[in-house]
Amino acid sequence: MIVPDASVWIDYFAERKTPQTALLAAAFVRQEVMTGDLIITEVLQDIRDE
């Protein structure tokens, strides 16, 4: 189980290829990803696209 930091989520949604986003994508396949409300808040605050 992993709990990615907001910066990893932001990179993932921006489609940046980093070792951390690769680990996140692999964890999705295994259904081993958790997040929290504060992380979601940080990610949503960074989204610039409508």
N, C-alpha and C. Protein backbone atom coordinates (compact mmCIF):
# COMPACT_ATOMS: atom_id res chain seq x y z
N MET A 1 0.84 -1.17 0.00
CA MET A 1 0.00 0.00 0.00
C MET A 1 0.89 1.24 0.00
N ILE A 2 0.57 2.21 -0.87
CA ILE A 2 1.32 3.46 -0.88
C ILE A 2 0.36 4.63 -0.68
N VAL A 3 0.89 5.70 -0.12
CA VAL A 3 0.15 6.95 0.06
C VAL A 3 0.98 8.05 -0.61
N PRO A 4 0.74 8.30 -1.89
CA PRO A 4 1.55 9.29 -2.61
C PRO A 4 1.32 10.70 -2.10
N ASP A 5 2.37 11.46 -2.08
CA ASP A 5 2.32 12.88 -1.73
C ASP A 5 1.60 13.64 -2.83
N ALA A 6 1.11 14.82 -2.49
CA ALA A 6 0.40 15.65 -3.47
C ALA A 6 1.26 15.94 -4.71
N SER A 7 2.55 16.12 -4.52
CA SER A 7 3.42 16.43 -5.66
C SER A 7 3.46 15.27 -6.66
N VAL A 8 3.36 14.05 -6.18
CA VAL A 8 3.34 12.89 -7.08
C VAL A 8 2.03 12.86 -7.85
N TRP A 9 0.92 13.11 -7.18
CA TRP A 9 -0.37 13.17 -7.87
C TRP A 9 -0.37 14.26 -8.93
N ILE A 10 0.17 15.42 -8.60
CA ILE A 10 0.21 16.54 -9.54
C ILE A 10 1.03 16.17 -10.77
N ASP A 11 2.19 15.56 -10.55
CA ASP A 11 3.00 15.09 -11.67
C ASP A 11 2.27 14.03 -12.49
N TYR A 12 1.58 13.14 -11.81
CA TYR A 12 0.84 12.07 -12.50
C TYR A 12 -0.25 12.66 -13.39
N PHE A 13 -1.05 13.59 -12.86
CA PHE A 13 -2.12 14.20 -13.66
C PHE A 13 -1.58 15.08 -14.77
N ALA A 14 -0.38 15.63 -14.59
CA ALA A 14 0.25 16.44 -15.64
C ALA A 14 0.99 15.57 -16.66
N GLU A 15 0.92 14.25 -16.46
CA GLU A 15 1.55 13.26 -17.34
C GLU A 15 3.06 13.42 -17.41
N ARG A 16 3.67 13.81 -16.30
CA ARG A 16 5.13 13.87 -16.23
C ARG A 16 5.65 12.48 -15.91
N LYS A 17 6.69 12.08 -16.62
CA LYS A 17 7.28 10.75 -16.43
C LYS A 17 8.40 10.84 -15.40
N THR A 18 8.13 10.35 -14.21
CA THR A 18 9.14 10.32 -13.14
C THR A 18 9.11 8.93 -12.52
N PRO A 19 10.13 8.57 -11.77
CA PRO A 19 10.10 7.26 -11.09
C PRO A 19 8.90 7.15 -10.14
N GLN A 20 8.53 8.26 -9.52
CA GLN A 20 7.41 8.24 -8.58
C GLN A 20 6.07 8.03 -9.30
N THR A 21 5.88 8.66 -10.45
CA THR A 21 4.63 8.46 -11.18
C THR A 21 4.56 7.04 -11.75
N ALA A 22 5.70 6.48 -12.10
CA ALA A 22 5.72 5.09 -12.57
C ALA A 22 5.30 4.14 -11.45
N LEU A 23 5.78 4.40 -10.23
CA LEU A 23 5.38 3.58 -9.09
C LEU A 23 3.89 3.74 -8.80
N LEU A 24 3.38 4.94 -8.93
CA LEU A 24 1.96 5.18 -8.71
C LEU A 24 1.13 4.42 -9.74
N ALA A 25 1.51 4.48 -10.99
CA ALA A 25 0.78 3.76 -12.04
C ALA A 25 0.79 2.25 -11.78
N ALA A 26 1.93 1.73 -11.36
CA ALA A 26 2.03 0.30 -11.05
C ALA A 26 1.16 -0.06 -9.85
N ALA A 27 1.09 0.82 -8.87
CA ALA A 27 0.27 0.56 -7.68
C ALA A 27 -1.22 0.56 -8.04
N PHE A 28 -1.62 1.36 -9.03
CA PHE A 28 -3.01 1.36 -9.48
C PHE A 28 -3.41 -0.03 -9.99
N VAL A 29 -2.51 -0.63 -10.74
CA VAL A 29 -2.78 -1.96 -11.29
C VAL A 29 -3.03 -2.96 -10.17
N ARG A 30 -2.26 -2.84 -9.11
CA ARG A 30 -2.40 -3.76 -7.96
C ARG A 30 -3.46 -3.29 -6.97
N GLN A 31 -4.08 -2.15 -7.22
CA GLN A 31 -5.10 -1.56 -6.34
C GLN A 31 -4.54 -1.35 -4.93
N GLU A 32 -3.37 -0.73 -4.87
CA GLU A 32 -2.69 -0.50 -3.60
C GLU A 32 -2.39 0.97 -3.37
N VAL A 33 -3.37 1.83 -3.65
CA VAL A 33 -3.15 3.28 -3.51
C VAL A 33 -4.16 3.83 -2.51
N MET A 34 -3.65 4.63 -1.58
CA MET A 34 -4.51 5.33 -0.63
C MET A 34 -4.21 6.83 -0.72
N THR A 35 -5.17 7.63 -0.29
CA THR A 35 -4.94 9.06 -0.21
C THR A 35 -5.77 9.62 0.94
N GLY A 36 -5.51 10.86 1.26
CA GLY A 36 -6.25 11.49 2.35
C GLY A 36 -6.87 12.79 1.90
N ASP A 37 -7.72 13.33 2.75
CA ASP A 37 -8.44 14.53 2.37
C ASP A 37 -7.52 15.74 2.18
N LEU A 38 -6.49 15.86 2.98
CA LEU A 38 -5.57 16.99 2.81
C LEU A 38 -4.77 16.89 1.52
N ILE A 39 -4.41 15.67 1.14
CA ILE A 39 -3.68 15.48 -0.13
C ILE A 39 -4.59 15.83 -1.30
N ILE A 40 -5.84 15.40 -1.24
CA ILE A 40 -6.80 15.72 -2.31
C ILE A 40 -6.99 17.23 -2.41
N THR A 41 -7.08 17.90 -1.28
CA THR A 41 -7.23 19.36 -1.26
C THR A 41 -6.05 20.03 -1.94
N GLU A 42 -4.83 19.59 -1.62
CA GLU A 42 -3.64 20.17 -2.25
C GLU A 42 -3.63 19.94 -3.74
N VAL A 43 -4.02 18.75 -4.17
CA VAL A 43 -4.03 18.44 -5.61
C VAL A 43 -5.06 19.31 -6.31
N LEU A 44 -6.26 19.43 -5.76
CA LEU A 44 -7.31 20.23 -6.39
C LEU A 44 -6.93 21.71 -6.46
N GLN A 45 -6.21 22.21 -5.47
CA GLN A 45 -5.78 23.59 -5.49
C GLN A 45 -4.77 23.86 -6.59
N ASP A 46 -4.04 22.83 -7.01
CA ASP A 46 -3.02 23.00 -8.03
C ASP A 46 -3.56 22.87 -9.45
N ILE A 47 -4.75 22.34 -9.61
CA ILE A 47 -5.32 22.14 -10.94
C ILE A 47 -5.65 23.50 -11.54
N ARG A 48 -5.12 23.75 -12.72
CA ARG A 48 -5.31 25.04 -13.39
C ARG A 48 -6.32 24.96 -14.53
N ASP A 49 -6.58 23.75 -15.01
CA ASP A 49 -7.45 23.55 -16.15
C ASP A 49 -8.90 23.46 -15.70
N GLU A 50 -9.82 24.09 -16.41
CA GLU A 50 -11.23 24.00 -16.06
C GLU A 50 -11.79 22.74 -16.63
